[in-house]
Amino acid sequence: MAALAQTTFPQQPTGAAVNHARIEARLTATPQARTGASHFAALGPAGQQIDGA
């Protein structure tokens, strides 16, 4: 519980809003955004597609 003591009041509603958005996206099956390839994946062969999943 020590981490909660260091959280200031404006950070608590922000964290709750982010959690709410994540839960809503999960319940409505909203697709997640695609992210770029990692630096390690970028070292792979040029013609090979690497899926992040």
Protein backbone atom coordinates (compact mmCIF):
# COMPACT_ATOMS: atom_id res chain seq x y z
CA MET A 1 0.00 0.00 0.00
CA ALA A 2 3.02 2.29 0.06
CA ALA A 3 2.58 3.10 -3.63
CA LEU A 4 -0.93 4.42 -2.99
CA ALA A 5 0.41 6.86 -0.43
CA GLN A 6 2.65 8.41 -3.08
CA THR A 7 -0.19 8.91 -5.58
CA THR A 8 -1.46 12.48 -5.57
CA PHE A 9 -5.14 13.30 -5.90
CA PRO A 10 -5.11 14.38 -9.60
CA GLN A 11 -3.48 11.09 -10.59
CA GLN A 12 -6.25 8.98 -9.04
CA PRO A 13 -9.13 10.15 -11.30
CA THR A 14 -6.82 9.93 -14.33
CA GLY A 15 -5.95 6.33 -13.50
CA ALA A 16 -9.61 5.49 -12.92
CA ALA A 17 -10.56 6.99 -16.30
CA VAL A 18 -7.86 4.99 -18.09
CA ASN A 19 -8.99 1.79 -16.36
CA HIS A 20 -12.61 2.54 -17.30
CA ALA A 21 -11.63 3.03 -20.94
CA ARG A 22 -9.72 -0.28 -20.94
CA ILE A 23 -12.63 -2.19 -19.40
CA GLU A 24 -15.12 -0.63 -21.83
CA ALA A 25 -12.91 -1.50 -24.81
CA ARG A 26 -12.63 -5.11 -23.59
CA LEU A 27 -16.39 -5.48 -23.06
CA THR A 28 -17.30 -3.98 -26.45
CA ALA A 29 -14.58 -5.98 -28.28
CA THR A 30 -12.98 -2.82 -29.65
CA PRO A 31 -9.88 -3.82 -31.66
CA GLN A 32 -6.55 -2.65 -30.31
CA ALA A 33 -4.32 -0.38 -32.35
CA ARG A 34 -1.47 -2.03 -34.25
CA THR A 35 1.93 -1.07 -33.00
CA GLY A 36 5.19 -0.87 -34.89
CA ALA A 37 7.80 -3.57 -34.95
CA SER A 38 10.27 -3.68 -32.09
CA HIS A 39 13.93 -2.91 -32.70
CA PHE A 40 14.70 -6.61 -32.37
CA ALA A 41 12.00 -7.62 -34.89
CA ALA A 42 13.30 -5.01 -37.31
CA LEU A 43 16.60 -6.94 -37.45
CA GLY A 44 14.85 -9.93 -39.05
CA PRO A 45 14.82 -10.74 -42.78
CA ALA A 46 13.34 -7.94 -44.91
CA GLY A 47 10.73 -10.09 -46.66
CA GLN A 48 9.40 -11.79 -43.54
CA GLN A 49 6.31 -10.39 -41.79
CA ILE A 50 6.52 -10.69 -38.00
CA ASP A 51 3.24 -10.62 -36.09
CA GLY A 52 3.39 -9.02 -32.64
CA ALA A 53 0.83 -11.43 -31.17
